[in-house]
Structures are given as structure tokens and as C-alpha cells.
């Protein structure tokens, strides 16, 4: 392989590492990357299951604003609103 080919190959490897999950912390040693499988295990341990639902965009914006206002995760706010609604 020629020098230019080697340089291209090295550049592709480098770009692949930067585009990989956790690439934002490329070059820093203190970044902890949790893969999807590990995240699923953590969620299962907490009793969480994925639940996809289609909502009106206005309703989603209200939920996002409420989450931002309270400084909570969107999942936590949605669960809280659902629990209150089901109790009523």
C-alpha cells in the first residue's frame, strides 16, 4: 500500500472513532460510555419498559416546558402527569 493509501486508511479509522457513540468526548479519558445493552439492563432493573406513543405536538411542547421548568427528565415528568391523571 502506498503512503497516501495508508494516510487515507488512518484518516478513515480516526473519523470512524469520532463518529462512534461517545465521540463527543474523543480524546478525553474520563468519559463513561454506556452502550444500549447496558442501558436496557439498567432500565429493567428500575422496572422501566419502553412505551412508544404518538402525541399532539402542542402536548409534547407543554410536557417539555414543564420538564425544563422543573429541571427533570421528560420521562419523569410524563410519568408524573400520567399517574396524576389516572388517579383523578
C-alpha atoms as a PDB file:
ATOM      1  CA  UNK A   1       0.000   0.000   0.000  1.00  0.00           C
ATOM      2  CA  UNK A   2       1.294   3.459  -0.863  1.00  0.00           C
ATOM      3  CA  UNK A   3       1.835   6.228   1.683  1.00  0.00           C
ATOM      4  CA  UNK A   4      -1.267   8.091   0.535  1.00  0.00           C
ATOM      5  CA  UNK A   5      -3.365   4.956   0.853  1.00  0.00           C
ATOM      6  CA  UNK A   6      -2.086   4.405   4.382  1.00  0.00           C
ATOM      7  CA  UNK A   7      -2.860   8.018   5.281  1.00  0.00           C
ATOM      8  CA  UNK A   8      -6.399   7.684   3.908  1.00  0.00           C
ATOM      9  CA  UNK A   9      -6.904   4.463   5.855  1.00  0.00           C
ATOM     10  CA  UNK A  10      -5.699   6.082   9.078  1.00  0.00           C
ATOM     11  CA  UNK A  11      -7.953   9.078   8.483  1.00  0.00           C
ATOM     12  CA  UNK A  12     -10.985   6.808   7.955  1.00  0.00           C
ATOM     13  CA  UNK A  13     -10.238   4.980  11.204  1.00  0.00           C
ATOM     14  CA  UNK A  14      -9.939   8.271  13.061  1.00  0.00           C
ATOM     15  CA  UNK A  15     -13.199   9.601  11.598  1.00  0.00           C
ATOM     16  CA  UNK A  16     -14.928   6.342  12.480  1.00  0.00           C
ATOM     17  CA  UNK A  17     -13.844   6.692  16.103  1.00  0.00           C
ATOM     18  CA  UNK A  18     -15.078  10.276  16.219  1.00  0.00           C
ATOM     19  CA  UNK A  19     -18.497   9.335  14.794  1.00  0.00           C
ATOM     20  CA  UNK A  20     -18.935   6.396  17.175  1.00  0.00           C
ATOM     21  CA  UNK A  21     -21.155   6.689  20.276  1.00  0.00           C
ATOM     22  CA  UNK A  22     -19.336   8.778  22.821  1.00  0.00           C
ATOM     23  CA  UNK A  23     -17.379  10.525  20.101  1.00  0.00           C
ATOM     24  CA  UNK A  24     -18.044  13.910  21.664  1.00  0.00           C
ATOM     25  CA  UNK A  25     -15.539  13.029  24.337  1.00  0.00           C
ATOM     26  CA  UNK A  26     -12.949  11.870  21.809  1.00  0.00           C
ATOM     27  CA  UNK A  27      -9.501  12.247  23.277  1.00  0.00           C
ATOM     28  CA  UNK A  28     -10.600  12.648  26.885  1.00  0.00           C
ATOM     29  CA  UNK A  29     -10.005   9.775  29.275  1.00  0.00           C
ATOM     30  CA  UNK A  30     -12.745  10.442  31.827  1.00  0.00           C
ATOM     31  CA  UNK A  31     -15.752   9.827  29.550  1.00  0.00           C
ATOM     32  CA  UNK A  32     -18.029   6.949  30.541  1.00  0.00           C
ATOM     33  CA  UNK A  33     -19.948   5.493  27.615  1.00  0.00           C
ATOM     34  CA  UNK A  34     -22.916   3.250  28.332  1.00  0.00           C
ATOM     35  CA  UNK A  35     -23.912   1.063  25.416  1.00  0.00           C
ATOM     36  CA  UNK A  36     -27.522   0.279  24.594  1.00  0.00           C
ATOM     37  CA  UNK A  37     -27.438  -3.193  26.096  1.00  0.00           C
ATOM     38  CA  UNK A  38     -26.137  -1.868  29.414  1.00  0.00           C
ATOM     39  CA  UNK A  39     -28.739   0.932  29.383  1.00  0.00           C
ATOM     40  CA  UNK A  40     -31.528  -1.630  28.815  1.00  0.00           C
ATOM     41  CA  UNK A  41     -30.267  -3.645  31.779  1.00  0.00           C
ATOM     42  CA  UNK A  42     -30.265  -0.527  33.971  1.00  0.00           C
ATOM     43  CA  UNK A  43     -33.780   0.382  32.854  1.00  0.00           C
ATOM     44  CA  UNK A  44     -35.043  -3.162  33.503  1.00  0.00           C
ATOM     45  CA  UNK A  45     -33.540  -3.100  36.985  1.00  0.00           C
ATOM     46  CA  UNK A  46     -35.563   0.058  37.648  1.00  0.00           C
ATOM     47  CA  UNK A  47     -38.712  -1.610  36.291  1.00  0.00           C
ATOM     48  CA  UNK A  48     -38.834   0.621  33.202  1.00  0.00           C
ATOM     49  CA  UNK A  49     -40.112  -0.585  29.851  1.00  0.00           C
ATOM     50  CA  UNK A  50     -40.144   1.279  26.540  1.00  0.00           C
ATOM     51  CA  UNK A  51     -43.568   2.692  25.688  1.00  0.00           C
ATOM     52  CA  UNK A  52     -43.932   4.458  22.354  1.00  0.00           C
ATOM     53  CA  UNK A  53     -46.921   6.713  21.841  1.00  0.00           C
ATOM     54  CA  UNK A  54     -47.845   9.394  19.318  1.00  0.00           C
ATOM     55  CA  UNK A  55     -48.898  12.703  20.837  1.00  0.00           C
ATOM     56  CA  UNK A  56     -50.010  16.060  19.513  1.00  0.00           C
ATOM     57  CA  UNK A  57     -47.036  18.414  19.100  1.00  0.00           C
ATOM     58  CA  UNK A  58     -48.661  21.037  21.370  1.00  0.00           C
ATOM     59  CA  UNK A  59     -48.958  18.486  24.156  1.00  0.00           C
ATOM     60  CA  UNK A  60     -45.322  17.436  23.719  1.00  0.00           C
ATOM     61  CA  UNK A  61     -44.206  21.074  23.883  1.00  0.00           C
ATOM     62  CA  UNK A  62     -46.150  21.522  27.122  1.00  0.00           C
ATOM     63  CA  UNK A  63     -44.504  18.428  28.589  1.00  0.00           C
ATOM     64  CA  UNK A  64     -41.057  19.613  27.509  1.00  0.00           C
ATOM     65  CA  UNK A  65     -41.658  23.063  29.002  1.00  0.00           C
ATOM     66  CA  UNK A  66     -42.835  21.501  32.262  1.00  0.00           C
ATOM     67  CA  UNK A  67     -39.752  19.266  32.369  1.00  0.00           C
ATOM     68  CA  UNK A  68     -37.455  22.217  31.729  1.00  0.00           C
ATOM     69  CA  UNK A  69     -39.246  24.318  34.347  1.00  0.00           C
ATOM     70  CA  UNK A  70     -38.899  21.626  36.998  1.00  0.00           C
ATOM     71  CA  UNK A  71     -35.411  20.574  35.917  1.00  0.00           C
ATOM     72  CA  UNK A  72     -36.485  16.969  35.438  1.00  0.00           C
ATOM     73  CA  UNK A  73     -36.190  14.403  32.683  1.00  0.00           C
ATOM     74  CA  UNK A  74     -39.044  14.255  30.167  1.00  0.00           C
ATOM     75  CA  UNK A  75     -39.677  10.623  31.146  1.00  0.00           C
ATOM     76  CA  UNK A  76     -40.108  11.568  34.807  1.00  0.00           C
ATOM     77  CA  UNK A  77     -42.499  14.418  34.045  1.00  0.00           C
ATOM     78  CA  UNK A  78     -44.571  12.277  31.675  1.00  0.00           C
ATOM     79  CA  UNK A  79     -44.830   9.510  34.279  1.00  0.00           C
ATOM     80  CA  UNK A  80     -45.863  12.038  36.932  1.00  0.00           C
ATOM     81  CA  UNK A  81     -48.572  13.530  34.704  1.00  0.00           C
ATOM     82  CA  UNK A  82     -49.893  10.075  33.800  1.00  0.00           C
ATOM     83  CA  UNK A  83     -50.042   8.999  37.446  1.00  0.00           C
ATOM     84  CA  UNK A  84     -51.931  12.154  38.434  1.00  0.00           C
ATOM     85  CA  UNK A  85     -54.318  11.733  35.512  1.00  0.00           C
ATOM     86  CA  UNK A  86     -55.038   8.100  36.304  1.00  0.00           C
ATOM     87  CA  UNK A  87     -55.713   8.863  39.954  1.00  0.00           C
ATOM     88  CA  UNK A  88     -58.242  11.547  39.052  1.00  0.00           C
END
